[in-house]
Amino acid sequence: MGDKKLSVVTDIRNRIPAAPSQGTSSSGEPEDALPKRGRGRPRHGKAVARDLSRDQEILKIAAEVLYKKGFAGAKLNDIAAAAGIAKGSLYHYFSSKEEIYERLIKNVRGTLDFEAEVKGRAPAAQRLEHLLRTRLATTVEYPLEVGLLARELVHLEGPAGDWARQDPKNYFNAVRQIILQGQKEEAFRAVDPDAIASTIVGILANVPAWYRLGGRIPPDALVDEVTSFIMNGLLKKPKK
């Protein structure tokens, strides 16, 4: 199972999903031999944003199941039940649990070019704010997916796991270097760059543990609040 999970996750763009080889219809015929029907909305299950496409709607439900039970513990039956459809109907959208996982993590990988952020020509304060807002915006849009990356992908061996383990380090290094640049520009207070960079990474890493879309705080408001909190703690106060 581990090898299978690794191979499909690390080859997201090139793999052609295989048709399911097990499962039968109510008539006794293999489900993969039946003609595909039109895609209908989930009939029951937990309601999610209805402006999403049907497969995206099921993906949101699958993210909750995978986040609660873990990749190894969650079954296709669990996802189908939560979406209010039969397991066989799930194959109209996804060929396997691995494909679902691939789709979930695809939207949250590689959203920042850390080297470009560090070497940018804009003032350090502006670049740090952009770094914070970009990471926060991705996290509040895909909190469960980001949580899955941190909890599941980091344990994989190979390129996907290497990326998941290296990304927080790259983010820390970028934040630290920009803090140092901001201090040279006399825009930031004389704080310890290692301590503050670690604190910032920790704050952002904890967001998926408690934030959910549709909660008390709207996504844009949360991005503004957290960004302002961090930036106000770093910026030098104007002299009176």
Protein backbone atom coordinates (compact mmCIF):
# COMPACT_ATOMS: atom_id res chain seq x y z
CA MET A 1 0.00 0.00 0.00
CA GLY A 2 2.83 2.36 0.89
CA ASP A 3 4.54 1.88 -2.48
CA LYS A 4 1.28 2.37 -4.35
CA LYS A 5 0.47 5.55 -2.46
CA LEU A 6 3.95 6.94 -3.07
CA SER A 7 4.00 6.19 -6.77
CA VAL A 8 0.73 7.92 -7.56
CA VAL A 9 1.35 10.94 -5.38
CA THR A 10 4.77 11.60 -6.89
CA ASP A 11 3.56 11.29 -10.44
CA ILE A 12 0.42 13.45 -10.32
CA ARG A 13 0.74 15.06 -13.72
CA ASN A 14 1.72 12.03 -15.79
CA ARG A 15 -0.27 9.10 -14.39
CA ILE A 16 -3.37 7.95 -16.26
CA PRO A 17 -5.83 6.59 -13.66
CA ALA A 18 -6.71 2.95 -14.16
CA ALA A 19 -10.35 1.91 -14.21
CA PRO A 20 -11.54 0.18 -11.01
CA SER A 21 -11.24 -3.57 -11.20
CA GLN A 22 -13.56 -4.56 -8.36
CA GLY A 23 -17.17 -3.99 -7.33
CA THR A 24 -20.37 -5.17 -8.91
CA SER A 25 -23.67 -3.56 -9.77
CA SER A 26 -27.04 -4.62 -8.42
CA SER A 27 -27.43 -6.77 -11.55
CA GLY A 28 -24.26 -8.70 -10.74
CA GLU A 29 -22.12 -7.19 -13.50
CA PRO A 30 -18.69 -5.69 -12.71
CA GLU A 31 -19.11 -1.95 -12.21
CA ASP A 32 -16.15 -1.12 -14.43
CA ALA A 33 -17.89 -2.95 -17.28
CA LEU A 34 -21.02 -0.83 -17.07
CA PRO A 35 -21.48 2.28 -19.22
CA LYS A 36 -20.98 5.47 -17.24
CA ARG A 37 -24.11 7.35 -16.35
CA GLY A 38 -24.45 11.10 -16.15
CA ARG A 39 -22.91 12.65 -13.05
CA GLY A 40 -25.58 13.47 -10.51
CA ARG A 41 -25.22 15.47 -7.35
CA PRO A 42 -24.75 13.61 -4.09
CA ARG A 43 -28.25 12.72 -2.91
CA HIS A 44 -27.66 12.86 0.81
CA GLY A 45 -24.61 13.37 3.01
CA LYS A 46 -23.27 16.60 4.43
CA ALA A 47 -24.19 19.74 2.54
CA VAL A 48 -21.32 21.74 1.07
CA ALA A 49 -21.14 24.77 -1.20
CA ARG A 50 -23.49 24.05 -4.07
CA ASP A 51 -21.74 26.44 -6.42
CA LEU A 52 -18.89 23.93 -6.68
CA SER A 53 -18.70 21.43 -9.52
CA ARG A 54 -19.89 17.98 -8.50
CA ASP A 55 -16.45 16.44 -8.27
CA GLN A 56 -15.18 19.42 -6.26
CA GLU A 57 -18.16 19.02 -3.97
CA ILE A 58 -17.25 15.40 -3.28
CA LEU A 59 -13.59 16.38 -2.87
CA LYS A 60 -14.53 18.74 -0.04
CA ILE A 61 -16.40 15.93 1.68
CA ALA A 62 -13.52 13.52 1.06
CA ALA A 63 -11.09 16.01 2.63
CA GLU A 64 -13.07 15.92 5.86
CA VAL A 65 -13.13 12.12 5.91
CA LEU A 66 -9.42 11.81 5.17
CA TYR A 67 -8.54 14.47 7.72
CA LYS A 68 -10.53 12.72 10.46
CA LYS A 69 -9.51 9.14 9.69
CA GLY A 70 -6.15 9.56 7.98
CA PHE A 71 -5.25 8.25 4.54
CA ALA A 72 -4.68 4.68 5.71
CA GLY A 73 -7.78 4.57 7.91
CA ALA A 74 -10.26 6.11 5.47
CA LYS A 75 -12.05 3.86 2.97
CA LEU A 76 -13.87 4.66 -0.23
CA ASN A 77 -17.02 3.42 1.49
CA ASP A 78 -16.54 6.11 4.14
CA ILE A 79 -16.23 8.84 1.52
CA ALA A 80 -19.21 7.58 -0.47
CA ALA A 81 -21.37 7.35 2.66
CA ALA A 82 -20.45 10.88 3.72
CA ALA A 83 -21.32 12.13 0.22
CA GLY A 84 -24.61 10.22 0.22
CA ILE A 85 -23.83 8.09 -2.85
CA ALA A 86 -23.09 4.43 -3.47
CA LYS A 87 -19.46 3.36 -3.62
CA GLY A 88 -19.94 2.34 -7.26
CA SER A 89 -21.18 5.83 -8.10
CA LEU A 90 -18.00 7.28 -6.63
CA TYR A 91 -16.08 5.72 -9.53
CA HIS A 92 -17.87 8.13 -11.89
CA TYR A 93 -15.75 10.85 -10.30
CA PHE A 94 -12.54 9.20 -9.08
CA SER A 95 -10.85 5.91 -9.88
CA SER A 96 -9.31 5.39 -6.43
CA LYS A 97 -8.60 6.86 -3.01
CA GLU A 98 -5.14 7.74 -4.29
CA GLU A 99 -6.59 9.89 -7.06
CA ILE A 100 -8.75 11.71 -4.52
CA TYR A 101 -5.67 12.39 -2.42
CA GLU A 102 -3.76 13.65 -5.46
CA ARG A 103 -6.51 16.08 -6.34
CA LEU A 104 -6.70 17.37 -2.77
CA ILE A 105 -3.01 18.18 -2.43
CA LYS A 106 -2.54 19.52 -5.96
CA ASN A 107 -4.14 22.85 -5.13
CA VAL A 108 -1.86 23.61 -2.20
CA ARG A 109 1.57 22.71 -3.50
CA GLY A 110 4.14 25.18 -4.78
CA THR A 111 2.18 28.44 -4.38
CA LEU A 112 5.27 30.46 -3.44
CA ASP A 113 8.64 31.07 -5.08
CA PHE A 114 10.72 31.65 -1.97
CA GLU A 115 13.88 32.72 -3.78
CA ALA A 116 11.98 35.33 -5.76
CA GLU A 117 10.36 36.64 -2.57
CA VAL A 118 13.73 37.00 -0.82
CA LYS A 119 15.44 38.63 -3.81
CA GLY A 120 12.56 40.92 -4.71
CA ARG A 121 13.15 44.64 -5.14
CA ALA A 122 10.16 45.80 -3.11
CA PRO A 123 10.72 46.93 0.50
CA ALA A 124 11.12 44.07 2.97
CA ALA A 125 7.91 44.92 4.81
CA GLN A 126 5.93 44.72 1.58
CA ARG A 127 7.49 41.39 0.61
CA LEU A 128 6.89 39.87 4.04
CA GLU A 129 3.26 40.95 3.98
CA HIS A 130 2.86 39.35 0.55
CA LEU A 131 4.47 36.15 1.82
CA LEU A 132 2.08 36.03 4.78
CA ARG A 133 -1.03 36.84 2.79
CA THR A 134 -0.27 34.30 0.07
CA ARG A 135 0.30 31.45 2.52
CA LEU A 136 -2.71 32.41 4.66
CA ALA A 137 -5.01 32.75 1.65
CA THR A 138 -4.13 29.22 0.52
CA THR A 139 -4.58 27.84 4.03
CA VAL A 140 -8.01 29.38 4.64
CA GLU A 141 -9.23 28.26 1.21
CA TYR A 142 -7.95 24.70 1.67
CA PRO A 143 -7.54 24.19 5.46
CA LEU A 144 -8.11 20.45 5.43
CA GLU A 145 -5.88 19.92 2.42
CA VAL A 146 -3.05 21.89 4.02
CA GLY A 147 -3.58 19.89 7.20
CA LEU A 148 -3.34 16.65 5.24
CA LEU A 149 -0.09 17.80 3.67
CA ALA A 150 1.43 18.50 7.05
CA ARG A 151 0.14 15.31 8.67
CA GLU A 152 0.27 12.73 5.89
CA LEU A 153 2.60 13.75 3.07
CA VAL A 154 5.53 14.46 5.38
CA HIS A 155 5.74 10.76 6.22
CA LEU A 156 6.16 9.61 2.63
CA GLU A 157 9.52 8.69 1.17
CA GLY A 158 10.57 10.01 -2.22
CA PRO A 159 10.08 13.38 -3.97
CA ALA A 160 6.59 14.15 -2.61
CA GLY A 161 7.62 13.52 0.97
CA ASP A 162 10.88 15.40 0.46
CA TRP A 163 8.95 18.42 -0.79
CA ALA A 164 6.53 18.32 2.15
CA ARG A 165 9.38 18.20 4.66
CA GLN A 166 11.42 20.90 2.92
CA ASP A 167 8.61 23.41 2.36
CA PRO A 168 8.37 24.60 6.02
CA LYS A 169 12.16 24.95 6.11
CA ASN A 170 12.11 27.03 2.94
CA TYR A 171 9.34 29.20 4.34
CA PHE A 172 11.24 29.71 7.60
CA ASN A 173 14.42 30.67 5.74
CA ALA A 174 12.56 33.12 3.50
CA VAL A 175 10.81 34.81 6.43
CA ARG A 176 14.06 34.98 8.41
CA GLN A 177 16.00 36.56 5.54
CA ILE A 178 13.29 39.13 4.87
CA ILE A 179 13.20 40.04 8.57
CA LEU A 180 16.96 40.62 8.45
CA GLN A 181 16.55 42.76 5.33
CA GLY A 182 13.80 44.75 7.02
CA GLN A 183 16.05 45.40 9.98
CA LYS A 184 18.78 46.69 7.67
CA GLU A 185 16.20 48.97 6.09
CA GLU A 186 15.27 50.08 9.62
CA ALA A 187 11.67 49.10 8.98
CA PHE A 188 11.57 46.24 11.52
CA ARG A 189 12.36 46.26 15.22
CA ALA A 190 15.54 44.62 16.53
CA VAL A 191 13.95 41.22 17.21
CA ASP A 192 15.67 37.85 17.07
CA PRO A 193 15.04 36.72 13.44
CA ASP A 194 15.21 33.01 14.25
CA ALA A 195 12.73 33.22 17.11
CA ILE A 196 10.26 35.38 15.21
CA ALA A 197 10.51 33.39 11.95
CA SER A 198 9.85 30.20 13.93
CA THR A 199 6.87 31.83 15.64
CA ILE A 200 5.40 32.97 12.33
CA VAL A 201 5.76 29.52 10.79
CA GLY A 202 4.15 28.02 13.88
CA ILE A 203 1.19 30.41 13.78
CA LEU A 204 0.45 29.60 10.14
CA ALA A 205 0.98 25.86 10.59
CA ASN A 206 -1.65 25.80 13.35
CA VAL A 207 -4.43 27.42 11.30
CA PRO A 208 -5.67 24.12 9.72
CA ALA A 209 -6.15 22.66 13.22
CA TRP A 210 -9.01 25.04 14.02
CA TYR A 211 -10.12 27.03 10.96
CA ARG A 212 -12.96 25.85 8.73
CA LEU A 213 -14.71 27.63 5.87
CA GLY A 214 -18.13 28.89 6.87
CA GLY A 215 -17.06 29.53 10.44
CA ARG A 216 -17.32 32.68 12.53
CA ILE A 217 -14.43 34.49 10.82
CA PRO A 218 -14.66 35.08 7.03
CA PRO A 219 -11.52 34.05 5.10
CA ASP A 220 -10.54 37.57 4.04
CA ALA A 221 -11.00 38.88 7.58
CA LEU A 222 -8.79 36.14 8.99
CA VAL A 223 -6.04 36.84 6.45
CA ASP A 224 -6.19 40.54 7.37
CA GLU A 225 -6.20 39.95 11.13
CA VAL A 226 -3.31 37.49 11.25
CA THR A 227 -1.21 39.47 8.78
CA SER A 228 -1.79 42.72 10.67
CA PHE A 229 -1.00 41.05 13.99
CA ILE A 230 2.36 39.78 12.75
CA MET A 231 3.33 42.92 10.84
CA ASN A 232 2.41 45.25 13.72
CA GLY A 233 4.65 43.23 15.99
CA LEU A 234 7.60 43.68 13.64
CA LEU A 235 7.27 47.19 12.28
CA LYS A 236 9.03 50.00 14.09
CA LYS A 237 6.64 52.40 15.73
CA PRO A 238 6.89 55.94 14.34
CA LYS A 239 8.65 58.37 16.63
CA LYS A 240 6.43 60.93 18.29
